[in-house]
Structure formats: structure tokens, C-alpha cells
Amino acid sequence: PGVYCGGLHVTGGANVTLMPGVYVIKDGSFMVDSGSTLSGNGVGFYLTATLPTSKSTFPNLYFGSDTHISLSAAATGEMAGLLFFEDRALPTGALHAILSNDARNLLGTIYLSRGFLGVAATSPVADQSAYTIIVANALLLYGGPELILNTNYSATAVPVPQGVGPQTGAVSLSQ
């Protein structure tokens, strides 16, 4: 856990197991590609940047098609239930992409309210997670992906953040 200024890139077939904690991806991208494996339990990723002068410096998330991803959010702490959280102060428009054909466990909430999340995997995504919640400015599905958003909230100790997931009472949408 820590702050990764300029981003974090897992590449070259690396096999990385993350320690529990918060990973701040600052002023750069979080990329996993080239046959690499990334796993971690009790992790949260906070994507942030200084207001950029060009979109190339926006924080983004990228899991390449030949990667192996298994991530679970923390059950306690400041990012409990949040797997990815994009800074709300950022301009809109960051592109995030899940292309991995082995990202079957993405347990928690993926909160990208400023960005666009593209999913273009040819194998199931998040199907082995007790739950996956996606909050995004736009969700873009390409090539017929099988994105599974399970809702078995009671099957895990990872809490659902307030305001998403199961709701009691009336639901109201406003502009």
C-alpha cells in the first residue's frame, strides 16, 4: 500500500500479490498487461491526479486481455467495500478498460463517477465475486462481453458502501 506517483504498471508476466491496504494511483495510470497476474484481498485503489492539461494524464485503469486479475475490497477501514474509487474532483472523461479474459473476482464497488468504463473481455468478468457494483459516468460494453454483477451481499464480509447495493424503502432518481 502507498502512493504511486506517476502511476503503477505491472507488466512482463509479473506475478504480483498485493498486501491489504489503500493504493493511491496519483498522476498516472494503473495498468496490468503482458501476461501479468495481479491479486489482492483487502485492497482499495484511489485514482487521482492534479488537474491535467491533456487527457493523456488522466488517471485510468487498464487490465489487458492476457492478464489474470483477482481483487477483493477491504472489509474495514476508510475504503471498506470500495475496490476502485475515482476522485470526484477530476474532470470527466478518463477512460478505464477491463479487457482481461481472467478477471473473475472483482469483489466490491467500482466507483468511476467521472470516467467511462469499457469492458471488452471474451470470458466472464466478475462472475466469481459475491458482488460487484459499478458506478460510472458511462459503461461501455464491446464485443459481447459477459459482465456478471452478482448481488450475494451476505456471502462476504466486504460491506456494501452506503448509497449503493440493496436499498430499503423507496428509490428516487432526480436530475
N, C-alpha and C. Protein backbone atom coordinates (compact mmCIF):
# COMPACT_ATOMS: atom_id res chain seq x y z
N PRO A 1 0.84 -1.20 0.00
CA PRO A 1 0.00 0.00 0.00
C PRO A 1 0.87 1.25 0.00
N GLY A 2 0.33 2.32 -0.54
CA GLY A 2 1.08 3.56 -0.58
C GLY A 2 0.63 4.43 -1.73
N VAL A 3 1.42 5.48 -1.97
CA VAL A 3 1.12 6.42 -3.04
C VAL A 3 2.07 6.13 -4.20
N TYR A 4 1.49 5.97 -5.38
CA TYR A 4 2.27 5.67 -6.58
C TYR A 4 2.17 6.86 -7.52
N CYS A 5 3.11 7.80 -7.36
CA CYS A 5 3.15 9.00 -8.19
C CYS A 5 3.57 8.61 -9.60
N GLY A 6 2.83 9.08 -10.58
CA GLY A 6 3.12 8.74 -11.96
C GLY A 6 2.48 7.43 -12.39
N GLY A 7 1.76 6.77 -11.50
CA GLY A 7 1.04 5.56 -11.85
C GLY A 7 1.73 4.29 -11.40
N LEU A 8 1.13 3.17 -11.79
CA LEU A 8 1.64 1.85 -11.45
C LEU A 8 1.42 0.94 -12.65
N HIS A 9 2.47 0.27 -13.11
CA HIS A 9 2.41 -0.57 -14.30
C HIS A 9 2.96 -1.94 -13.95
N VAL A 10 2.10 -2.96 -14.02
CA VAL A 10 2.50 -4.35 -13.80
C VAL A 10 2.57 -4.99 -15.18
N THR A 11 3.75 -5.45 -15.58
CA THR A 11 3.94 -5.90 -16.96
C THR A 11 4.97 -7.02 -17.03
N GLY A 12 5.17 -7.56 -18.22
CA GLY A 12 6.23 -8.53 -18.46
C GLY A 12 6.01 -9.87 -17.80
N GLY A 13 4.75 -10.28 -17.61
CA GLY A 13 4.48 -11.57 -16.99
C GLY A 13 4.68 -11.58 -15.48
N ALA A 14 4.73 -10.41 -14.88
CA ALA A 14 4.93 -10.33 -13.43
C ALA A 14 3.77 -10.99 -12.69
N ASN A 15 4.07 -11.56 -11.53
CA ASN A 15 3.06 -12.16 -10.66
C ASN A 15 3.08 -11.37 -9.36
N VAL A 16 2.07 -10.49 -9.16
CA VAL A 16 2.06 -9.56 -8.03
C VAL A 16 0.90 -9.88 -7.10
N THR A 17 1.22 -10.09 -5.83
CA THR A 17 0.20 -10.25 -4.79
C THR A 17 0.28 -9.02 -3.90
N LEU A 18 -0.79 -8.26 -3.86
CA LEU A 18 -0.82 -7.01 -3.10
C LEU A 18 -1.12 -7.27 -1.62
N MET A 19 -0.49 -6.51 -0.78
CA MET A 19 -0.80 -6.53 0.66
C MET A 19 -2.09 -5.76 0.88
N PRO A 20 -2.85 -6.08 1.92
CA PRO A 20 -4.06 -5.30 2.21
C PRO A 20 -3.72 -3.83 2.46
N GLY A 21 -4.61 -2.94 2.01
CA GLY A 21 -4.42 -1.52 2.24
C GLY A 21 -4.90 -0.69 1.06
N VAL A 22 -4.63 0.61 1.15
CA VAL A 22 -5.06 1.56 0.14
C VAL A 22 -3.87 1.89 -0.78
N TYR A 23 -4.13 1.82 -2.06
CA TYR A 23 -3.14 2.13 -3.09
C TYR A 23 -3.61 3.39 -3.81
N VAL A 24 -2.89 4.48 -3.65
CA VAL A 24 -3.23 5.74 -4.29
C VAL A 24 -2.45 5.82 -5.60
N ILE A 25 -3.19 5.87 -6.71
CA ILE A 25 -2.58 5.99 -8.03
C ILE A 25 -2.70 7.46 -8.41
N LYS A 26 -1.57 8.18 -8.33
CA LYS A 26 -1.58 9.64 -8.47
C LYS A 26 -0.87 10.07 -9.74
N ASP A 27 -1.56 10.90 -10.52
CA ASP A 27 -0.97 11.49 -11.73
C ASP A 27 -0.45 10.45 -12.71
N GLY A 28 -1.20 9.38 -12.88
CA GLY A 28 -0.80 8.36 -13.84
C GLY A 28 -1.82 7.25 -13.91
N SER A 29 -1.49 6.23 -14.66
CA SER A 29 -2.38 5.11 -14.92
C SER A 29 -2.05 3.92 -14.04
N PHE A 30 -3.05 3.07 -13.85
CA PHE A 30 -2.87 1.78 -13.19
C PHE A 30 -3.09 0.73 -14.27
N MET A 31 -1.99 0.13 -14.72
CA MET A 31 -2.04 -0.78 -15.86
C MET A 31 -1.49 -2.15 -15.49
N VAL A 32 -2.19 -3.18 -15.96
CA VAL A 32 -1.71 -4.55 -15.85
C VAL A 32 -1.81 -5.13 -17.26
N ASP A 33 -0.68 -5.62 -17.79
CA ASP A 33 -0.69 -6.15 -19.15
C ASP A 33 0.40 -7.19 -19.34
N SER A 34 0.56 -7.66 -20.55
CA SER A 34 1.64 -8.57 -20.97
C SER A 34 1.71 -9.86 -20.14
N GLY A 35 0.55 -10.51 -19.96
CA GLY A 35 0.52 -11.80 -19.28
C GLY A 35 0.75 -11.74 -17.79
N SER A 36 0.59 -10.59 -17.18
CA SER A 36 0.84 -10.44 -15.75
C SER A 36 -0.36 -10.88 -14.91
N THR A 37 -0.07 -11.21 -13.66
CA THR A 37 -1.07 -11.63 -12.69
C THR A 37 -1.08 -10.64 -11.54
N LEU A 38 -2.30 -10.21 -11.15
CA LEU A 38 -2.45 -9.28 -10.03
C LEU A 38 -3.54 -9.82 -9.12
N SER A 39 -3.20 -10.01 -7.85
CA SER A 39 -4.18 -10.48 -6.88
C SER A 39 -4.00 -9.71 -5.58
N GLY A 40 -5.11 -9.63 -4.84
CA GLY A 40 -5.04 -8.97 -3.55
C GLY A 40 -6.38 -9.03 -2.85
N ASN A 41 -6.33 -9.25 -1.55
CA ASN A 41 -7.52 -9.23 -0.70
C ASN A 41 -7.38 -8.07 0.28
N GLY A 42 -8.51 -7.36 0.50
CA GLY A 42 -8.48 -6.24 1.43
C GLY A 42 -7.81 -5.02 0.84
N VAL A 43 -7.96 -4.83 -0.48
CA VAL A 43 -7.30 -3.72 -1.15
C VAL A 43 -8.31 -2.70 -1.67
N GLY A 44 -7.86 -1.47 -1.80
CA GLY A 44 -8.65 -0.40 -2.40
C GLY A 44 -7.73 0.50 -3.21
N PHE A 45 -8.21 0.95 -4.36
CA PHE A 45 -7.41 1.79 -5.24
C PHE A 45 -8.09 3.14 -5.38
N TYR A 46 -7.36 4.19 -5.04
CA TYR A 46 -7.86 5.56 -5.15
C TYR A 46 -7.15 6.20 -6.32
N LEU A 47 -7.91 6.55 -7.37
CA LEU A 47 -7.35 7.12 -8.59
C LEU A 47 -7.49 8.64 -8.55
N THR A 48 -6.37 9.34 -8.62
CA THR A 48 -6.41 10.79 -8.52
C THR A 48 -5.31 11.42 -9.37
N ALA A 49 -5.43 12.71 -9.60
CA ALA A 49 -4.44 13.42 -10.40
C ALA A 49 -4.57 14.90 -10.15
N THR A 50 -3.48 15.63 -10.40
CA THR A 50 -3.56 17.07 -10.47
C THR A 50 -4.36 17.37 -11.72
N LEU A 51 -5.17 18.41 -11.70
CA LEU A 51 -5.97 18.72 -12.88
C LEU A 51 -5.07 18.77 -14.09
N PRO A 52 -5.31 17.89 -15.06
CA PRO A 52 -4.39 17.75 -16.19
C PRO A 52 -4.62 18.81 -17.26
N THR A 53 -3.58 18.98 -18.07
CA THR A 53 -3.69 19.87 -19.22
C THR A 53 -4.07 19.08 -20.47
N SER A 54 -3.94 17.76 -20.41
CA SER A 54 -4.38 16.91 -21.52
C SER A 54 -4.92 15.61 -20.97
N LYS A 55 -5.80 14.97 -21.74
CA LYS A 55 -6.42 13.75 -21.26
C LYS A 55 -5.43 12.62 -21.07
N SER A 56 -4.27 12.69 -21.67
CA SER A 56 -3.29 11.61 -21.53
C SER A 56 -2.79 11.49 -20.10
N THR A 57 -2.96 12.52 -19.28
CA THR A 57 -2.52 12.45 -17.90
C THR A 57 -3.64 12.08 -16.94
N PHE A 58 -4.84 11.84 -17.46
CA PHE A 58 -5.94 11.42 -16.58
C PHE A 58 -5.60 10.08 -15.96
N PRO A 59 -6.02 9.86 -14.74
CA PRO A 59 -5.82 8.53 -14.18
C PRO A 59 -6.72 7.56 -14.93
N ASN A 60 -6.22 6.37 -15.19
CA ASN A 60 -7.07 5.37 -15.79
C ASN A 60 -6.67 3.99 -15.32
N LEU A 61 -7.59 3.09 -15.48
CA LEU A 61 -7.43 1.71 -15.09
C LEU A 61 -7.41 0.88 -16.37
N TYR A 62 -6.44 -0.02 -16.51
CA TYR A 62 -6.36 -0.84 -17.70
C TYR A 62 -5.90 -2.24 -17.33
N PHE A 63 -6.76 -3.23 -17.61
CA PHE A 63 -6.40 -4.64 -17.45
C PHE A 63 -6.39 -5.26 -18.85
N GLY A 64 -5.22 -5.60 -19.36
CA GLY A 64 -5.09 -6.16 -20.70
C GLY A 64 -5.73 -7.53 -20.83
N SER A 65 -5.97 -7.96 -22.06
CA SER A 65 -6.72 -9.19 -22.32
C SER A 65 -6.03 -10.45 -21.83
N ASP A 66 -4.70 -10.44 -21.75
CA ASP A 66 -3.95 -11.64 -21.35
C ASP A 66 -3.53 -11.62 -19.88
N THR A 67 -4.26 -10.88 -19.06
CA THR A 67 -3.90 -10.76 -17.65
C THR A 67 -4.79 -11.66 -16.78
N HIS A 68 -4.34 -11.85 -15.56
CA HIS A 68 -5.08 -12.65 -14.57
C HIS A 68 -5.29 -11.75 -13.36
N ILE A 69 -6.55 -11.41 -13.09
CA ILE A 69 -6.88 -10.43 -12.05
C ILE A 69 -7.82 -11.06 -11.03
N SER A 70 -7.50 -10.92 -9.75
CA SER A 70 -8.39 -11.35 -8.66
C SER A 70 -8.22 -10.37 -7.51
N LEU A 71 -9.25 -9.54 -7.30
CA LEU A 71 -9.16 -8.48 -6.29
C LEU A 71 -10.41 -8.44 -5.43
N SER A 72 -10.21 -8.22 -4.14
CA SER A 72 -11.32 -8.06 -3.19
C SER A 72 -11.08 -6.82 -2.35
N ALA A 73 -12.14 -6.02 -2.19
CA ALA A 73 -12.05 -4.80 -1.39
C ALA A 73 -11.90 -5.13 0.10
N ALA A 74 -11.53 -4.13 0.86
CA ALA A 74 -11.36 -4.27 2.30
C ALA A 74 -12.71 -4.39 3.00
N ALA A 75 -12.74 -5.12 4.10
CA ALA A 75 -13.95 -5.25 4.91
C ALA A 75 -14.06 -4.13 5.94
N THR A 76 -12.95 -3.47 6.24
CA THR A 76 -12.94 -2.38 7.22
C THR A 76 -12.03 -1.26 6.71
N GLY A 77 -12.08 -0.13 7.39
CA GLY A 77 -11.19 0.97 7.05
C GLY A 77 -11.83 2.01 6.17
N GLU A 78 -11.01 2.97 5.77
CA GLU A 78 -11.51 4.13 5.03
C GLU A 78 -12.07 3.79 3.65
N MET A 79 -11.67 2.69 3.07
CA MET A 79 -12.20 2.30 1.76
C MET A 79 -12.94 0.97 1.84
N ALA A 80 -13.55 0.69 2.96
CA ALA A 80 -14.30 -0.55 3.12
C ALA A 80 -15.36 -0.67 2.03
N GLY A 81 -15.33 -1.78 1.32
CA GLY A 81 -16.30 -2.04 0.26
C GLY A 81 -15.97 -1.41 -1.08
N LEU A 82 -14.99 -0.52 -1.11
CA LEU A 82 -14.62 0.18 -2.35
C LEU A 82 -13.37 -0.46 -2.95
N LEU A 83 -13.51 -1.04 -4.12
CA LEU A 83 -12.37 -1.63 -4.79
C LEU A 83 -11.60 -0.56 -5.57
N PHE A 84 -12.33 0.26 -6.34
CA PHE A 84 -11.74 1.38 -7.06
C PHE A 84 -12.58 2.62 -6.79
N PHE A 85 -11.92 3.74 -6.54
CA PHE A 85 -12.61 5.00 -6.31
C PHE A 85 -11.88 6.09 -7.07
N GLU A 86 -12.59 6.71 -8.00
CA GLU A 86 -12.04 7.80 -8.79
C GLU A 86 -12.37 9.13 -8.11
N ASP A 87 -11.36 9.94 -7.89
CA ASP A 87 -11.50 11.25 -7.24
C ASP A 87 -12.64 12.04 -7.89
N ARG A 88 -13.58 12.49 -7.07
CA ARG A 88 -14.74 13.24 -7.58
C ARG A 88 -14.38 14.63 -8.08
N ALA A 89 -13.20 15.12 -7.77
CA ALA A 89 -12.80 16.47 -8.20
C ALA A 89 -12.21 16.47 -9.62
N LEU A 90 -12.02 15.30 -10.20
CA LEU A 90 -11.42 15.23 -11.53
C LEU A 90 -12.41 15.65 -12.61
N PRO A 91 -11.89 16.13 -13.73
CA PRO A 91 -12.77 16.40 -14.86
C PRO A 91 -13.31 15.07 -15.40
N THR A 92 -14.41 15.11 -16.12
CA THR A 92 -14.95 13.89 -16.72
C THR A 92 -14.09 13.48 -17.91
N GLY A 93 -14.17 12.21 -18.25
CA GLY A 93 -13.57 11.77 -19.49
C GLY A 93 -12.47 10.73 -19.40
N ALA A 94 -12.02 10.37 -18.21
CA ALA A 94 -10.98 9.34 -18.14
C ALA A 94 -11.55 8.02 -18.64
N LEU A 95 -10.77 7.31 -19.41
CA LEU A 95 -11.19 6.01 -19.92
C LEU A 95 -10.55 4.91 -19.09
N HIS A 96 -11.37 3.98 -18.65
CA HIS A 96 -10.93 2.81 -17.88
C HIS A 96 -11.34 1.59 -18.68
N ALA A 97 -10.50 0.55 -18.73
CA ALA A 97 -10.80 -0.61 -19.56
C ALA A 97 -10.48 -1.91 -18.86
N ILE A 98 -11.46 -2.81 -18.87
CA ILE A 98 -11.25 -4.18 -18.41
C ILE A 98 -11.37 -5.06 -19.65
N LEU A 99 -10.23 -5.54 -20.11
CA LEU A 99 -10.18 -6.41 -21.28
C LEU A 99 -9.77 -7.82 -20.88
N SER A 100 -9.41 -8.01 -19.62
CA SER A 100 -8.89 -9.28 -19.14
C SER A 100 -9.88 -10.42 -19.34
N ASN A 101 -9.35 -11.53 -19.87
CA ASN A 101 -10.16 -12.73 -20.02
C ASN A 101 -10.07 -13.62 -18.79
N ASP A 102 -9.47 -13.09 -17.72
CA ASP A 102 -9.42 -13.80 -16.44
C ASP A 102 -9.47 -12.77 -15.30
N ALA A 103 -10.59 -12.05 -15.25
CA ALA A 103 -10.87 -11.10 -14.16
C ALA A 103 -12.17 -11.56 -13.51
N ARG A 104 -12.15 -12.74 -12.96
CA ARG A 104 -13.38 -13.38 -12.49
C ARG A 104 -13.76 -12.97 -11.08
N ASN A 105 -12.81 -12.43 -10.31
CA ASN A 105 -13.12 -11.96 -8.97
C ASN A 105 -12.78 -10.47 -8.87
N LEU A 106 -13.82 -9.65 -8.84
CA LEU A 106 -13.71 -8.20 -8.61
C LEU A 106 -14.74 -7.88 -7.54
N LEU A 107 -14.40 -8.22 -6.31
CA LEU A 107 -15.34 -8.11 -5.19
C LEU A 107 -15.32 -6.72 -4.59
N GLY A 108 -16.44 -6.02 -4.70
CA GLY A 108 -16.56 -4.68 -4.12
C GLY A 108 -17.20 -3.72 -5.11
N THR A 109 -17.07 -2.44 -4.80
CA THR A 109 -17.66 -1.39 -5.62
C THR A 109 -16.58 -0.72 -6.46
N ILE A 110 -16.87 -0.60 -7.74
CA ILE A 110 -16.01 0.10 -8.69
C ILE A 110 -16.68 1.44 -8.94
N TYR A 111 -16.13 2.50 -8.34
CA TYR A 111 -16.73 3.83 -8.37
C TYR A 111 -15.91 4.73 -9.28
N LEU A 112 -16.42 4.93 -10.50
CA LEU A 112 -15.73 5.75 -11.51
C LEU A 112 -16.71 6.79 -12.03
N SER A 113 -17.21 7.62 -11.14
CA SER A 113 -18.30 8.52 -11.49
C SER A 113 -17.91 9.60 -12.49
N ARG A 114 -16.64 9.85 -12.68
CA ARG A 114 -16.17 10.86 -13.62
C ARG A 114 -15.75 10.23 -14.95
N GLY A 115 -15.47 8.94 -14.94
CA GLY A 115 -14.90 8.29 -16.10
C GLY A 115 -15.82 7.33 -16.81
N PHE A 116 -15.30 6.77 -17.89
CA PHE A 116 -16.01 5.80 -18.70
C PHE A 116 -15.34 4.44 -18.51
N LEU A 117 -16.13 3.42 -18.20
CA LEU A 117 -15.60 2.07 -18.02
C LEU A 117 -15.98 1.23 -19.24
N GLY A 118 -14.98 0.77 -19.96
CA GLY A 118 -15.20 -0.12 -21.09
C GLY A 118 -14.85 -1.54 -20.70
N VAL A 119 -15.73 -2.48 -21.05
CA VAL A 119 -15.49 -3.90 -20.80
C VAL A 119 -15.55 -4.61 -22.14
N ALA A 120 -14.48 -5.33 -22.49
CA ALA A 120 -14.43 -6.00 -23.78
C ALA A 120 -13.77 -7.36 -23.67
N ALA A 121 -13.99 -8.06 -22.59
CA ALA A 121 -13.42 -9.39 -22.41
C ALA A 121 -14.26 -10.41 -23.17
N THR A 122 -13.63 -11.51 -23.56
CA THR A 122 -14.37 -12.58 -24.24
C THR A 122 -14.74 -13.71 -23.28
N SER A 123 -14.28 -13.63 -22.03
CA SER A 123 -14.63 -14.59 -20.98
C SER A 123 -15.39 -13.84 -19.89
N PRO A 124 -16.10 -14.56 -19.02
CA PRO A 124 -16.86 -13.89 -17.97
C PRO A 124 -16.00 -12.98 -17.10
N VAL A 125 -16.56 -11.84 -16.74
CA VAL A 125 -15.90 -10.87 -15.86
C VAL A 125 -16.71 -10.78 -14.57
N ALA A 126 -16.05 -10.93 -13.43
CA ALA A 126 -16.61 -10.77 -12.09
C ALA A 126 -17.62 -11.86 -11.72
N ASP A 127 -17.68 -12.94 -12.45
CA ASP A 127 -18.68 -13.98 -12.18
C ASP A 127 -18.43 -14.74 -10.89
N GLN A 128 -17.21 -14.73 -10.36
CA GLN A 128 -16.91 -15.45 -9.13
C GLN A 128 -16.91 -14.54 -7.90
N SER A 129 -17.34 -13.30 -8.06
CA SER A 129 -17.44 -12.36 -6.95
C SER A 129 -18.78 -12.53 -6.26
N ALA A 130 -18.79 -12.41 -4.94
CA ALA A 130 -20.08 -12.42 -4.22
C ALA A 130 -20.93 -11.27 -4.72
N TYR A 131 -20.30 -10.11 -4.89
CA TYR A 131 -20.99 -8.98 -5.50
C TYR A 131 -19.98 -8.07 -6.19
N THR A 132 -20.45 -7.39 -7.19
CA THR A 132 -19.71 -6.33 -7.86
C THR A 132 -20.71 -5.23 -8.17
N ILE A 133 -20.40 -4.02 -7.76
CA ILE A 133 -21.23 -2.86 -8.06
C ILE A 133 -20.39 -1.92 -8.91
N ILE A 134 -20.99 -1.41 -9.98
CA ILE A 134 -20.30 -0.45 -10.83
C ILE A 134 -21.07 0.85 -10.83
N VAL A 135 -20.39 1.93 -10.48
CA VAL A 135 -20.92 3.29 -10.59
C VAL A 135 -19.97 4.00 -11.54
N ALA A 136 -20.48 4.37 -12.72
CA ALA A 136 -19.62 5.00 -13.73
C ALA A 136 -20.40 6.07 -14.48
N ASN A 137 -19.68 7.05 -15.00
CA ASN A 137 -20.29 8.07 -15.85
C ASN A 137 -20.93 7.38 -17.05
N ALA A 138 -20.22 6.38 -17.60
CA ALA A 138 -20.76 5.57 -18.70
C ALA A 138 -20.14 4.19 -18.63
N LEU A 139 -20.94 3.19 -18.94
CA LEU A 139 -20.47 1.81 -19.02
C LEU A 139 -20.55 1.41 -20.49
N LEU A 140 -19.41 1.06 -21.07
CA LEU A 140 -19.32 0.75 -22.49
C LEU A 140 -18.99 -0.73 -22.64
N LEU A 141 -19.87 -1.48 -23.27
CA LEU A 141 -19.67 -2.91 -23.45
C LEU A 141 -19.38 -3.18 -24.93
N TYR A 142 -18.24 -3.83 -25.18
CA TYR A 142 -17.79 -4.07 -26.55
C TYR A 142 -17.66 -5.57 -26.81
N GLY A 143 -18.01 -6.01 -28.00
CA GLY A 143 -17.76 -7.37 -28.42
C GLY A 143 -18.53 -8.43 -27.67
N GLY A 144 -19.65 -8.07 -27.08
CA GLY A 144 -20.48 -9.06 -26.39
C GLY A 144 -19.87 -9.62 -25.13
N PRO A 145 -19.33 -8.79 -24.25
CA PRO A 145 -18.72 -9.32 -23.02
C PRO A 145 -19.77 -9.92 -22.10
N GLU A 146 -19.33 -10.80 -21.23
CA GLU A 146 -20.20 -11.39 -20.22
C GLU A 146 -19.80 -10.80 -18.87
N LEU A 147 -20.39 -9.65 -18.56
CA LEU A 147 -20.14 -8.95 -17.31
C LEU A 147 -21.19 -9.40 -16.32
N ILE A 148 -20.77 -10.02 -15.22
CA ILE A 148 -21.68 -10.56 -14.22
C ILE A 148 -21.63 -9.67 -12.98
N LEU A 149 -22.78 -9.11 -12.62
CA LEU A 149 -22.86 -8.26 -11.42
C LEU A 149 -23.68 -9.00 -10.37
N ASN A 150 -23.02 -9.92 -9.67
CA ASN A 150 -23.70 -10.68 -8.62
C ASN A 150 -24.13 -9.78 -7.49
N THR A 151 -25.14 -10.22 -6.75
CA THR A 151 -25.68 -9.43 -5.64
C THR A 151 -25.82 -10.28 -4.38
N ASN A 152 -24.89 -11.18 -4.17
CA ASN A 152 -24.95 -12.03 -2.98
C ASN A 152 -24.19 -11.35 -1.84
N TYR A 153 -24.77 -10.23 -1.39
CA TYR A 153 -24.11 -9.38 -0.40
C TYR A 153 -23.81 -10.09 0.91
N SER A 154 -24.65 -11.03 1.31
CA SER A 154 -24.47 -11.71 2.60
C SER A 154 -23.38 -12.79 2.55
N ALA A 155 -22.83 -13.08 1.37
CA ALA A 155 -21.82 -14.12 1.24
C ALA A 155 -20.40 -13.65 1.54
N THR A 156 -20.25 -12.38 1.93
CA THR A 156 -18.92 -11.83 2.16
C THR A 156 -18.95 -10.85 3.33
N ALA A 157 -17.78 -10.68 3.93
CA ALA A 157 -17.64 -9.67 5.00
C ALA A 157 -17.36 -8.29 4.43
N VAL A 158 -17.14 -8.20 3.12
CA VAL A 158 -16.90 -6.90 2.48
C VAL A 158 -18.22 -6.16 2.43
N PRO A 159 -18.30 -5.00 3.12
CA PRO A 159 -19.59 -4.29 3.18
C PRO A 159 -19.91 -3.55 1.89
N VAL A 160 -21.18 -3.32 1.70
CA VAL A 160 -21.64 -2.52 0.57
C VAL A 160 -21.62 -1.07 1.04
N PRO A 161 -20.93 -0.17 0.33
CA PRO A 161 -20.90 1.24 0.75
C PRO A 161 -22.32 1.83 0.77
N GLN A 162 -22.53 2.74 1.71
CA GLN A 162 -23.83 3.40 1.84
C GLN A 162 -24.19 4.10 0.54
N GLY A 163 -25.44 3.92 0.13
CA GLY A 163 -25.94 4.57 -1.08
C GLY A 163 -25.93 3.70 -2.32
N VAL A 164 -25.29 2.55 -2.26
CA VAL A 164 -25.31 1.60 -3.38
C VAL A 164 -25.71 0.23 -2.85
N GLY A 165 -26.05 -0.67 -3.74
CA GLY A 165 -26.41 -2.01 -3.32
C GLY A 165 -27.85 -2.10 -2.87
N PRO A 166 -28.11 -3.02 -1.94
CA PRO A 166 -29.50 -3.24 -1.53
C PRO A 166 -30.07 -2.00 -0.84
N GLN A 167 -31.27 -1.65 -1.21
CA GLN A 167 -31.92 -0.46 -0.66
C GLN A 167 -33.23 -0.87 0.00
N THR A 168 -33.59 -0.18 1.05
CA THR A 168 -34.90 -0.39 1.66
C THR A 168 -35.68 0.90 1.46
N GLY A 169 -36.97 0.74 1.30
CA GLY A 169 -37.81 1.93 1.10
C GLY A 169 -37.83 2.33 -0.36
N ALA A 170 -38.34 3.51 -0.63
CA ALA A 170 -38.50 4.00 -1.99
C ALA A 170 -37.17 4.44 -2.57
N VAL A 171 -37.02 4.25 -3.87
CA VAL A 171 -35.85 4.71 -4.60
C VAL A 171 -36.27 5.93 -5.41
N SER A 172 -35.49 6.98 -5.35
CA SER A 172 -35.82 8.21 -6.05
C SER A 172 -34.66 8.61 -6.95
N LEU A 173 -34.97 8.90 -8.20
CA LEU A 173 -33.98 9.40 -9.14
C LEU A 173 -34.27 10.86 -9.42
N SER A 174 -33.26 11.71 -9.38
CA SER A 174 -33.50 13.13 -9.67
C SER A 174 -32.38 13.65 -10.54
N GLN A 175 -32.66 14.74 -11.20
CA GLN A 175 -31.68 15.33 -12.10
C GLN A 175 -30.96 16.45 -11.44
